[in-house]
């Protein structure tokens, strides 16, 4: 039996799901920034979203708060990683242009 209800766990899963889908769509928009391991992290993130949606109703408030903190840290670290990848790609492009 699957107990699905729209609550804070679903909102959290949708936020994380959109974040990992942005990571996957980065392959189409900016392929010079994308890495091969992004597919692995996207798959793990989508699996985690599914678990949060299906089993998140069991989370008591302190566990839900810990999930909020973990997902926030993951999304911020991912955003910083993508920004740094873009900077590295632009620096390498400038170095190739100077040669």
C-alpha atoms as a PDB file:
ATOM      1  CA  UNK A   1       0.000   0.000   0.000  1.00  0.00           C
ATOM      2  CA  UNK A   2       1.304   3.421  -0.928  1.00  0.00           C
ATOM      3  CA  UNK A   3       0.178   6.309   1.231  1.00  0.00           C
ATOM      4  CA  UNK A   4       0.554   9.501  -0.807  1.00  0.00           C
ATOM      5  CA  UNK A   5      -0.363  12.862   0.640  1.00  0.00           C
ATOM      6  CA  UNK A   6       0.630  16.374  -0.302  1.00  0.00           C
ATOM      7  CA  UNK A   7       2.706  17.699   2.566  1.00  0.00           C
ATOM      8  CA  UNK A   8       6.094  19.213   3.309  1.00  0.00           C
ATOM      9  CA  UNK A   9       7.813  16.007   2.235  1.00  0.00           C
ATOM     10  CA  UNK A  10       6.290  16.301  -1.246  1.00  0.00           C
ATOM     11  CA  UNK A  11       7.323  19.946  -1.552  1.00  0.00           C
ATOM     12  CA  UNK A  12      10.840  19.015  -0.482  1.00  0.00           C
ATOM     13  CA  UNK A  13      10.946  16.170  -3.010  1.00  0.00           C
ATOM     14  CA  UNK A  14       9.734  18.473  -5.798  1.00  0.00           C
ATOM     15  CA  UNK A  15      12.420  21.049  -4.953  1.00  0.00           C
ATOM     16  CA  UNK A  16      15.130  18.393  -4.992  1.00  0.00           C
ATOM     17  CA  UNK A  17      13.707  16.826  -8.140  1.00  0.00           C
ATOM     18  CA  UNK A  18      13.811  20.133  -9.984  1.00  0.00           C
ATOM     19  CA  UNK A  19      17.394  20.663  -8.804  1.00  0.00           C
ATOM     20  CA  UNK A  20      18.634  17.322 -10.069  1.00  0.00           C
ATOM     21  CA  UNK A  21      16.721  17.706 -13.337  1.00  0.00           C
ATOM     22  CA  UNK A  22      18.506  21.028 -13.863  1.00  0.00           C
ATOM     23  CA  UNK A  23      21.750  19.118 -13.370  1.00  0.00           C
ATOM     24  CA  UNK A  24      20.676  16.619 -16.023  1.00  0.00           C
ATOM     25  CA  UNK A  25      19.433  19.298 -18.458  1.00  0.00           C
ATOM     26  CA  UNK A  26      22.814  20.978 -18.162  1.00  0.00           C
ATOM     27  CA  UNK A  27      24.002  18.407 -20.725  1.00  0.00           C
ATOM     28  CA  UNK A  28      21.712  19.971 -23.321  1.00  0.00           C
ATOM     29  CA  UNK A  29      22.109  23.647 -22.434  1.00  0.00           C
ATOM     30  CA  UNK A  30      25.848  23.803 -21.659  1.00  0.00           C
ATOM     31  CA  UNK A  31      27.585  20.576 -22.646  1.00  0.00           C
ATOM     32  CA  UNK A  32      31.040  22.013 -21.886  1.00  0.00           C
ATOM     33  CA  UNK A  33      30.076  22.244 -18.201  1.00  0.00           C
ATOM     34  CA  UNK A  34      28.423  18.811 -17.934  1.00  0.00           C
ATOM     35  CA  UNK A  35      30.280  15.777 -16.608  1.00  0.00           C
ATOM     36  CA  UNK A  36      29.643  12.066 -17.070  1.00  0.00           C
ATOM     37  CA  UNK A  37      28.997  11.493 -13.354  1.00  0.00           C
ATOM     38  CA  UNK A  38      26.054  13.926 -13.459  1.00  0.00           C
ATOM     39  CA  UNK A  39      23.851  11.115 -14.788  1.00  0.00           C
ATOM     40  CA  UNK A  40      24.672   9.024 -11.706  1.00  0.00           C
ATOM     41  CA  UNK A  41      23.907  11.878  -9.303  1.00  0.00           C
ATOM     42  CA  UNK A  42      20.677  12.675 -11.148  1.00  0.00           C
ATOM     43  CA  UNK A  43      19.554   9.060 -10.869  1.00  0.00           C
ATOM     44  CA  UNK A  44      20.345   8.930  -7.156  1.00  0.00           C
ATOM     45  CA  UNK A  45      18.560  12.261  -6.610  1.00  0.00           C
ATOM     46  CA  UNK A  46      15.422  11.121  -8.435  1.00  0.00           C
ATOM     47  CA  UNK A  47      15.407   7.871  -6.458  1.00  0.00           C
ATOM     48  CA  UNK A  48      15.697   9.904  -3.257  1.00  0.00           C
ATOM     49  CA  UNK A  49      12.785  12.104  -4.407  1.00  0.00           C
ATOM     50  CA  UNK A  50      10.651   9.038  -4.965  1.00  0.00           C
ATOM     51  CA  UNK A  51      11.460   7.719  -1.510  1.00  0.00           C
ATOM     52  CA  UNK A  52      10.608  11.089   0.039  1.00  0.00           C
ATOM     53  CA  UNK A  53       7.273  11.241  -1.764  1.00  0.00           C
ATOM     54  CA  UNK A  54       6.218   7.673  -0.960  1.00  0.00           C
ATOM     55  CA  UNK A  55       7.598   7.303   2.569  1.00  0.00           C
ATOM     56  CA  UNK A  56       7.920  10.920   3.693  1.00  0.00           C
ATOM     57  CA  UNK A  57       4.638  10.909   5.571  1.00  0.00           C
ATOM     58  CA  UNK A  58       6.395   8.923   8.301  1.00  0.00           C
ATOM     59  CA  UNK A  59       8.897  11.681   9.043  1.00  0.00           C
ATOM     60  CA  UNK A  60       8.456  13.359  12.380  1.00  0.00           C
ATOM     61  CA  UNK A  61       9.317  17.093  12.547  1.00  0.00           C
ATOM     62  CA  UNK A  62      12.962  16.711  13.584  1.00  0.00           C
ATOM     63  CA  UNK A  63      13.659  14.164  10.823  1.00  0.00           C
ATOM     64  CA  UNK A  64      11.915  16.391   8.287  1.00  0.00           C
ATOM     65  CA  UNK A  65      14.050  19.316   9.456  1.00  0.00           C
ATOM     66  CA  UNK A  66      17.192  17.221   9.039  1.00  0.00           C
ATOM     67  CA  UNK A  67      16.103  16.346   5.496  1.00  0.00           C
ATOM     68  CA  UNK A  68      15.542  20.047   4.778  1.00  0.00           C
ATOM     69  CA  UNK A  69      19.070  20.817   5.983  1.00  0.00           C
ATOM     70  CA  UNK A  70      20.619  17.973   3.981  1.00  0.00           C
ATOM     71  CA  UNK A  71      18.786  18.873   0.773  1.00  0.00           C
ATOM     72  CA  UNK A  72      19.644  22.563   1.191  1.00  0.00           C
ATOM     73  CA  UNK A  73      23.315  21.699   1.638  1.00  0.00           C
ATOM     74  CA  UNK A  74      23.272  19.407  -1.409  1.00  0.00           C
ATOM     75  CA  UNK A  75      21.589  22.009  -3.622  1.00  0.00           C
ATOM     76  CA  UNK A  76      23.941  24.806  -2.513  1.00  0.00           C
ATOM     77  CA  UNK A  77      27.015  22.616  -3.044  1.00  0.00           C
ATOM     78  CA  UNK A  78      25.698  21.567  -6.448  1.00  0.00           C
ATOM     79  CA  UNK A  79      25.042  25.183  -7.453  1.00  0.00           C
ATOM     80  CA  UNK A  80      28.567  26.168  -6.421  1.00  0.00           C
ATOM     81  CA  UNK A  81      30.003  23.176  -8.280  1.00  0.00           C
ATOM     82  CA  UNK A  82      28.193  24.139 -11.491  1.00  0.00           C
ATOM     83  CA  UNK A  83      29.365  27.757 -11.171  1.00  0.00           C
ATOM     84  CA  UNK A  84      32.961  26.629 -10.693  1.00  0.00           C
ATOM     85  CA  UNK A  85      32.694  24.302 -13.680  1.00  0.00           C
ATOM     86  CA  UNK A  86      31.519  27.265 -15.756  1.00  0.00           C
ATOM     87  CA  UNK A  87      34.441  29.390 -14.580  1.00  0.00           C
ATOM     88  CA  UNK A  88      36.921  26.633 -15.390  1.00  0.00           C
ATOM     89  CA  UNK A  89      35.376  26.186 -18.834  1.00  0.00           C
ATOM     90  CA  UNK A  90      35.552  29.927 -19.571  1.00  0.00           C
ATOM     91  CA  UNK A  91      39.163  30.161 -18.344  1.00  0.00           C
ATOM     92  CA  UNK A  92      40.206  27.205 -20.495  1.00  0.00           C
ATOM     93  CA  UNK A  93      38.396  28.765 -23.459  1.00  0.00           C
ATOM     94  CA  UNK A  94      40.308  32.037 -22.919  1.00  0.00           C
ATOM     95  CA  UNK A  95      43.622  30.181 -22.674  1.00  0.00           C
ATOM     96  CA  UNK A  96      42.918  28.372 -25.936  1.00  0.00           C
ATOM     97  CA  UNK A  97      42.062  31.696 -27.570  1.00  0.00           C
ATOM     98  CA  UNK A  98      45.336  33.289 -26.418  1.00  0.00           C
ATOM     99  CA  UNK A  99      47.481  30.515 -27.932  1.00  0.00           C
END
